[in-house]
């Protein structure tokens, strides 16, 4: 049995053992054992895909801290203390644990060690700004704006856990496409804003 299947079983067992107590992100991170720095991105990204009120704004700040740690210390990372104190309710914790276990089980079918060139420590010079950019988008109050950047960071995190450079590259491509779309929308808004303002009937004279 692979290490990742064992880890999935550990998470499912923790979900089963969880009673009426909340689960902190620090505890969730520790359950990953020695999965590596990718586990931290996975732990921070998954709650952003769930309907947890306020999770995006709080965890995005944690992601900025992760970006700083990647810049300074990659490949060694630890859970930021303030972020680690964030607690999931018992029902949400069980859902998060089972979701993570499901992710590891499904990812193990397609992910494997390959294209490790993308995982070299020297890549922190672009990986850190990229993680910070995704965190900023998650922080912004955009309807359903958490999903795509969180998915990009999730792919990168899984790529680091499985040492799969292709998965990491897929996450980067997804994030770059998102940035391009947002840039195009911002450019279009800047282009049309003066004309809309001139045509607005209630503008001050």
C-alpha atoms as a PDB file:
ATOM      1  CA  UNK A   1       0.000   0.000   0.000  1.00  0.00           C
ATOM      2  CA  UNK A   2       1.337   3.452  -0.935  1.00  0.00           C
ATOM      3  CA  UNK A   3       2.194   6.156   1.569  1.00  0.00           C
ATOM      4  CA  UNK A   4      -0.578   8.351   0.190  1.00  0.00           C
ATOM      5  CA  UNK A   5      -3.213   5.632   0.638  1.00  0.00           C
ATOM      6  CA  UNK A   6      -2.013   5.196   4.221  1.00  0.00           C
ATOM      7  CA  UNK A   7      -2.333   8.921   4.749  1.00  0.00           C
ATOM      8  CA  UNK A   8      -5.861   8.871   3.343  1.00  0.00           C
ATOM      9  CA  UNK A   9      -6.762   6.119   5.809  1.00  0.00           C
ATOM     10  CA  UNK A  10      -5.298   8.177   8.649  1.00  0.00           C
ATOM     11  CA  UNK A  11      -7.483  11.138   7.713  1.00  0.00           C
ATOM     12  CA  UNK A  12     -10.613   8.983   7.443  1.00  0.00           C
ATOM     13  CA  UNK A  13      -9.877   7.454  10.853  1.00  0.00           C
ATOM     14  CA  UNK A  14      -9.512  10.941  12.332  1.00  0.00           C
ATOM     15  CA  UNK A  15     -12.874  11.935  10.814  1.00  0.00           C
ATOM     16  CA  UNK A  16     -14.509   8.868  12.346  1.00  0.00           C
ATOM     17  CA  UNK A  17     -12.930   9.496  15.761  1.00  0.00           C
ATOM     18  CA  UNK A  18     -13.910  13.179  15.749  1.00  0.00           C
ATOM     19  CA  UNK A  19     -16.846  13.741  18.090  1.00  0.00           C
ATOM     20  CA  UNK A  20     -18.350  17.092  19.063  1.00  0.00           C
ATOM     21  CA  UNK A  21     -15.064  18.962  19.152  1.00  0.00           C
ATOM     22  CA  UNK A  22     -13.738  21.474  16.609  1.00  0.00           C
ATOM     23  CA  UNK A  23     -10.565  20.787  14.678  1.00  0.00           C
ATOM     24  CA  UNK A  24      -7.879  23.435  14.274  1.00  0.00           C
ATOM     25  CA  UNK A  25      -5.939  23.823  11.041  1.00  0.00           C
ATOM     26  CA  UNK A  26      -2.778  23.090  13.032  1.00  0.00           C
ATOM     27  CA  UNK A  27      -4.201  19.691  14.002  1.00  0.00           C
ATOM     28  CA  UNK A  28      -5.291  19.102  10.429  1.00  0.00           C
ATOM     29  CA  UNK A  29      -1.810  19.914   9.201  1.00  0.00           C
ATOM     30  CA  UNK A  30      -0.172  17.571  11.720  1.00  0.00           C
ATOM     31  CA  UNK A  31      -2.349  14.715  10.502  1.00  0.00           C
ATOM     32  CA  UNK A  32      -0.463  14.940   7.200  1.00  0.00           C
ATOM     33  CA  UNK A  33       2.698  13.692   8.868  1.00  0.00           C
ATOM     34  CA  UNK A  34       5.753  14.258   6.702  1.00  0.00           C
ATOM     35  CA  UNK A  35       3.866  14.964   3.481  1.00  0.00           C
ATOM     36  CA  UNK A  36       6.069  17.984   2.867  1.00  0.00           C
ATOM     37  CA  UNK A  37       5.392  21.657   2.184  1.00  0.00           C
ATOM     38  CA  UNK A  38       2.674  20.793  -0.325  1.00  0.00           C
ATOM     39  CA  UNK A  39       0.476  19.617   2.548  1.00  0.00           C
ATOM     40  CA  UNK A  40       0.321  23.167   3.872  1.00  0.00           C
ATOM     41  CA  UNK A  41      -1.024  24.485   0.564  1.00  0.00           C
ATOM     42  CA  UNK A  42      -3.503  21.604   0.414  1.00  0.00           C
ATOM     43  CA  UNK A  43      -4.707  22.283   3.970  1.00  0.00           C
ATOM     44  CA  UNK A  44      -5.162  26.002   3.237  1.00  0.00           C
ATOM     45  CA  UNK A  45      -6.713  25.544  -0.213  1.00  0.00           C
ATOM     46  CA  UNK A  46      -9.340  22.887   0.534  1.00  0.00           C
ATOM     47  CA  UNK A  47     -11.410  24.987   3.019  1.00  0.00           C
ATOM     48  CA  UNK A  48     -11.539  27.740   0.374  1.00  0.00           C
ATOM     49  CA  UNK A  49     -13.385  25.290  -1.885  1.00  0.00           C
ATOM     50  CA  UNK A  50     -15.965  24.662   0.848  1.00  0.00           C
ATOM     51  CA  UNK A  51     -18.774  27.037   1.890  1.00  0.00           C
ATOM     52  CA  UNK A  52     -17.046  28.148   5.089  1.00  0.00           C
ATOM     53  CA  UNK A  53     -17.992  31.775   5.919  1.00  0.00           C
ATOM     54  CA  UNK A  54     -14.918  33.975   6.261  1.00  0.00           C
ATOM     55  CA  UNK A  55     -12.500  31.166   5.450  1.00  0.00           C
ATOM     56  CA  UNK A  56     -11.291  32.755   2.219  1.00  0.00           C
ATOM     57  CA  UNK A  57     -10.329  36.060   3.810  1.00  0.00           C
ATOM     58  CA  UNK A  58      -8.552  34.449   6.763  1.00  0.00           C
ATOM     59  CA  UNK A  59      -6.822  31.673   4.862  1.00  0.00           C
ATOM     60  CA  UNK A  60      -5.706  34.039   2.119  1.00  0.00           C
ATOM     61  CA  UNK A  61      -3.625  35.832   4.743  1.00  0.00           C
ATOM     62  CA  UNK A  62      -2.169  32.466   5.667  1.00  0.00           C
ATOM     63  CA  UNK A  63      -1.340  31.878   2.011  1.00  0.00           C
ATOM     64  CA  UNK A  64       0.513  35.186   1.897  1.00  0.00           C
ATOM     65  CA  UNK A  65       2.566  33.948   4.858  1.00  0.00           C
ATOM     66  CA  UNK A  66       3.193  30.724   2.951  1.00  0.00           C
ATOM     67  CA  UNK A  67       4.353  32.756  -0.052  1.00  0.00           C
ATOM     68  CA  UNK A  68       6.810  34.601   2.198  1.00  0.00           C
ATOM     69  CA  UNK A  69       8.051  31.324   3.678  1.00  0.00           C
ATOM     70  CA  UNK A  70       8.473  29.857   0.199  1.00  0.00           C
ATOM     71  CA  UNK A  71      10.572  32.883  -0.736  1.00  0.00           C
ATOM     72  CA  UNK A  72      12.724  32.576   2.377  1.00  0.00           C
ATOM     73  CA  UNK A  73      12.821  28.906   3.361  1.00  0.00           C
ATOM     74  CA  UNK A  74      11.434  26.653   0.602  1.00  0.00           C
ATOM     75  CA  UNK A  75      11.293  23.626   0.643  1.00  0.00           C
ATOM     76  CA  UNK A  76      10.851  23.774   4.460  1.00  0.00           C
ATOM     77  CA  UNK A  77       7.494  25.145   5.635  1.00  0.00           C
ATOM     78  CA  UNK A  78       5.500  25.213   8.868  1.00  0.00           C
ATOM     79  CA  UNK A  79       1.927  26.206   9.621  1.00  0.00           C
ATOM     80  CA  UNK A  80       1.684  29.915  10.608  1.00  0.00           C
ATOM     81  CA  UNK A  81       0.609  30.043  14.264  1.00  0.00           C
ATOM     82  CA  UNK A  82      -2.254  32.510  13.816  1.00  0.00           C
ATOM     83  CA  UNK A  83      -3.645  30.607  10.859  1.00  0.00           C
ATOM     84  CA  UNK A  84      -3.237  27.296  12.670  1.00  0.00           C
ATOM     85  CA  UNK A  85      -5.603  28.497  15.398  1.00  0.00           C
ATOM     86  CA  UNK A  86      -8.510  28.763  12.951  1.00  0.00           C
ATOM     87  CA  UNK A  87     -11.028  26.092  13.932  1.00  0.00           C
ATOM     88  CA  UNK A  88     -13.469  24.104  11.837  1.00  0.00           C
ATOM     89  CA  UNK A  89     -16.743  23.020  13.389  1.00  0.00           C
ATOM     90  CA  UNK A  90     -17.092  19.254  13.994  1.00  0.00           C
ATOM     91  CA  UNK A  91     -19.326  18.780  10.936  1.00  0.00           C
ATOM     92  CA  UNK A  92     -17.087  20.917   8.722  1.00  0.00           C
ATOM     93  CA  UNK A  93     -13.973  19.196  10.089  1.00  0.00           C
ATOM     94  CA  UNK A  94     -15.362  15.770   9.201  1.00  0.00           C
ATOM     95  CA  UNK A  95     -16.194  17.014   5.742  1.00  0.00           C
ATOM     96  CA  UNK A  96     -12.705  18.491   5.309  1.00  0.00           C
ATOM     97  CA  UNK A  97     -10.990  15.316   6.538  1.00  0.00           C
ATOM     98  CA  UNK A  98     -13.024  13.078   4.252  1.00  0.00           C
ATOM     99  CA  UNK A  99     -12.501  15.470   1.350  1.00  0.00           C
ATOM    100  CA  UNK A 100      -8.736  15.433   1.874  1.00  0.00           C
ATOM    101  CA  UNK A 101      -8.729  11.627   2.121  1.00  0.00           C
ATOM    102  CA  UNK A 102     -10.754  11.422  -1.076  1.00  0.00           C
ATOM    103  CA  UNK A 103      -8.345  13.828  -2.788  1.00  0.00           C
ATOM    104  CA  UNK A 104      -5.301  11.759  -1.861  1.00  0.00           C
ATOM    105  CA  UNK A 105      -6.955   8.547  -2.980  1.00  0.00           C
ATOM    106  CA  UNK A 106      -8.049   9.968  -6.323  1.00  0.00           C
ATOM    107  CA  UNK A 107      -4.810  11.873  -6.908  1.00  0.00           C
ATOM    108  CA  UNK A 108      -2.720   8.768  -6.267  1.00  0.00           C
ATOM    109  CA  UNK A 109      -4.299   7.172  -9.331  1.00  0.00           C
ATOM    110  CA  UNK A 110      -2.955   9.793 -11.729  1.00  0.00           C
ATOM    111  CA  UNK A 111      -0.069  11.484  -9.926  1.00  0.00           C
ATOM    112  CA  UNK A 112       3.413  10.072  -9.626  1.00  0.00           C
ATOM    113  CA  UNK A 113       6.976  11.274  -9.324  1.00  0.00           C
ATOM    114  CA  UNK A 114       7.859  12.958 -12.628  1.00  0.00           C
ATOM    115  CA  UNK A 115       9.295  16.178 -14.065  1.00  0.00           C
ATOM    116  CA  UNK A 116      10.955  16.975 -10.754  1.00  0.00           C
ATOM    117  CA  UNK A 117      12.730  19.903 -12.395  1.00  0.00           C
ATOM    118  CA  UNK A 118       9.656  21.996 -11.502  1.00  0.00           C
ATOM    119  CA  UNK A 119      10.141  21.152  -7.823  1.00  0.00           C
ATOM    120  CA  UNK A 120      13.653  22.516  -7.426  1.00  0.00           C
ATOM    121  CA  UNK A 121      14.201  25.079  -4.625  1.00  0.00           C
ATOM    122  CA  UNK A 122      15.324  27.684  -7.157  1.00  0.00           C
ATOM    123  CA  UNK A 123      11.769  27.974  -8.445  1.00  0.00           C
ATOM    124  CA  UNK A 124      10.782  29.864  -5.308  1.00  0.00           C
ATOM    125  CA  UNK A 125      11.584  33.116  -7.175  1.00  0.00           C
ATOM    126  CA  UNK A 126       8.363  32.763  -9.185  1.00  0.00           C
ATOM    127  CA  UNK A 127       6.401  30.331  -7.010  1.00  0.00           C
ATOM    128  CA  UNK A 128       6.231  32.716  -4.052  1.00  0.00           C
ATOM    129  CA  UNK A 129       4.774  35.669  -6.061  1.00  0.00           C
ATOM    130  CA  UNK A 130       2.356  33.286  -7.773  1.00  0.00           C
ATOM    131  CA  UNK A 131       1.017  31.959  -4.451  1.00  0.00           C
ATOM    132  CA  UNK A 132       0.688  35.548  -3.190  1.00  0.00           C
ATOM    133  CA  UNK A 133      -1.252  36.539  -6.331  1.00  0.00           C
ATOM    134  CA  UNK A 134      -3.677  33.621  -5.893  1.00  0.00           C
ATOM    135  CA  UNK A 135      -4.083  34.560  -2.220  1.00  0.00           C
ATOM    136  CA  UNK A 136      -4.955  38.142  -3.200  1.00  0.00           C
ATOM    137  CA  UNK A 137      -7.661  36.943  -5.588  1.00  0.00           C
ATOM    138  CA  UNK A 138      -9.099  34.700  -2.872  1.00  0.00           C
ATOM    139  CA  UNK A 139      -9.120  37.682  -0.479  1.00  0.00           C
ATOM    140  CA  UNK A 140     -11.087  39.896  -2.884  1.00  0.00           C
ATOM    141  CA  UNK A 141     -14.896  39.824  -2.464  1.00  0.00           C
ATOM    142  CA  UNK A 142     -15.540  38.248  -5.868  1.00  0.00           C
ATOM    143  CA  UNK A 143     -18.587  35.917  -6.052  1.00  0.00           C
ATOM    144  CA  UNK A 144     -17.238  32.353  -6.286  1.00  0.00           C
ATOM    145  CA  UNK A 145     -13.809  33.951  -6.690  1.00  0.00           C
ATOM    146  CA  UNK A 146     -12.196  31.454  -4.343  1.00  0.00           C
ATOM    147  CA  UNK A 147     -12.703  28.394  -6.517  1.00  0.00           C
ATOM    148  CA  UNK A 148     -10.221  28.811  -9.380  1.00  0.00           C
ATOM    149  CA  UNK A 149      -7.254  30.228  -7.401  1.00  0.00           C
ATOM    150  CA  UNK A 150      -7.835  27.659  -4.635  1.00  0.00           C
ATOM    151  CA  UNK A 151      -7.926  24.895  -7.259  1.00  0.00           C
ATOM    152  CA  UNK A 152      -4.652  26.189  -8.723  1.00  0.00           C
ATOM    153  CA  UNK A 153      -2.987  26.149  -5.300  1.00  0.00           C
ATOM    154  CA  UNK A 154      -4.465  22.721  -4.604  1.00  0.00           C
ATOM    155  CA  UNK A 155      -2.869  21.318  -7.767  1.00  0.00           C
ATOM    156  CA  UNK A 156       0.457  22.872  -6.804  1.00  0.00           C
ATOM    157  CA  UNK A 157       0.173  21.473  -3.277  1.00  0.00           C
ATOM    158  CA  UNK A 158      -0.668  17.988  -4.542  1.00  0.00           C
ATOM    159  CA  UNK A 159       2.165  18.254  -7.029  1.00  0.00           C
ATOM    160  CA  UNK A 160       4.566  18.946  -4.177  1.00  0.00           C
ATOM    161  CA  UNK A 161       3.123  16.136  -2.040  1.00  0.00           C
ATOM    162  CA  UNK A 162       3.377  13.578  -4.859  1.00  0.00           C
ATOM    163  CA  UNK A 163       6.534  15.171  -6.322  1.00  0.00           C
ATOM    164  CA  UNK A 164       4.611  15.489  -9.575  1.00  0.00           C
ATOM    165  CA  UNK A 165       5.962  18.395 -11.606  1.00  0.00           C
ATOM    166  CA  UNK A 166       3.193  18.005 -14.194  1.00  0.00           C
ATOM    167  CA  UNK A 167       0.493  18.552 -11.565  1.00  0.00           C
ATOM    168  CA  UNK A 168       2.354  21.595 -10.276  1.00  0.00           C
ATOM    169  CA  UNK A 169       2.663  22.966 -13.814  1.00  0.00           C
ATOM    170  CA  UNK A 170      -1.086  22.408 -14.352  1.00  0.00           C
ATOM    171  CA  UNK A 171      -1.841  24.511 -11.293  1.00  0.00           C
ATOM    172  CA  UNK A 172       0.422  27.281 -12.541  1.00  0.00           C
ATOM    173  CA  UNK A 173      -1.210  27.252 -15.984  1.00  0.00           C
ATOM    174  CA  UNK A 174      -4.671  27.451 -14.390  1.00  0.00           C
ATOM    175  CA  UNK A 175      -3.600  30.409 -12.291  1.00  0.00           C
ATOM    176  CA  UNK A 176      -1.958  32.206 -15.220  1.00  0.00           C
ATOM    177  CA  UNK A 177      -5.148  31.802 -17.298  1.00  0.00           C
ATOM    178  CA  UNK A 178      -7.140  33.266 -14.406  1.00  0.00           C
ATOM    179  CA  UNK A 179      -4.761  36.235 -14.141  1.00  0.00           C
ATOM    180  CA  UNK A 180      -5.037  36.824 -17.896  1.00  0.00           C
ATOM    181  CA  UNK A 181      -8.848  36.776 -17.742  1.00  0.00           C
ATOM    182  CA  UNK A 182      -8.915  39.192 -14.808  1.00  0.00           C
ATOM    183  CA  UNK A 183      -6.439  41.488 -16.558  1.00  0.00           C
ATOM    184  CA  UNK A 184      -8.611  41.495 -19.688  1.00  0.00           C
ATOM    185  CA  UNK A 185     -11.707  42.277 -17.644  1.00  0.00           C
ATOM    186  CA  UNK A 186      -9.909  45.079 -15.817  1.00  0.00           C
ATOM    187  CA  UNK A 187      -8.640  46.492 -19.105  1.00  0.00           C
ATOM    188  CA  UNK A 188     -12.109  46.373 -20.609  1.00  0.00           C
ATOM    189  CA  UNK A 189     -13.594  48.091 -17.567  1.00  0.00           C
ATOM    190  CA  UNK A 190     -10.977  50.851 -17.733  1.00  0.00           C
ATOM    191  CA  UNK A 191     -11.724  51.339 -21.442  1.00  0.00           C
ATOM    192  CA  UNK A 192     -15.500  51.562 -21.094  1.00  0.00           C
ATOM    193  CA  UNK A 193     -15.700  53.397 -17.769  1.00  0.00           C
ATOM    194  CA  UNK A 194     -15.232  56.952 -19.193  1.00  0.00           C
ATOM    195  CA  UNK A 195     -17.924  56.402 -21.839  1.00  0.00           C
ATOM    196  CA  UNK A 196     -20.351  54.952 -19.302  1.00  0.00           C
ATOM    197  CA  UNK A 197     -19.682  57.864 -16.969  1.00  0.00           C
ATOM    198  CA  UNK A 198     -20.295  60.380 -19.767  1.00  0.00           C
ATOM    199  CA  UNK A 199     -23.579  58.688 -20.650  1.00  0.00           C
ATOM    200  CA  UNK A 200     -24.766  58.364 -17.040  1.00  0.00           C
ATOM    201  CA  UNK A 201     -27.842  60.623 -16.708  1.00  0.00           C
ATOM    202  CA  UNK A 202     -27.478  61.257 -12.989  1.00  0.00           C
ATOM    203  CA  UNK A 203     -23.821  62.327 -12.946  1.00  0.00           C
ATOM    204  CA  UNK A 204     -23.096  65.597 -11.096  1.00  0.00           C
ATOM    205  CA  UNK A 205     -22.937  68.708 -13.267  1.00  0.00           C
END
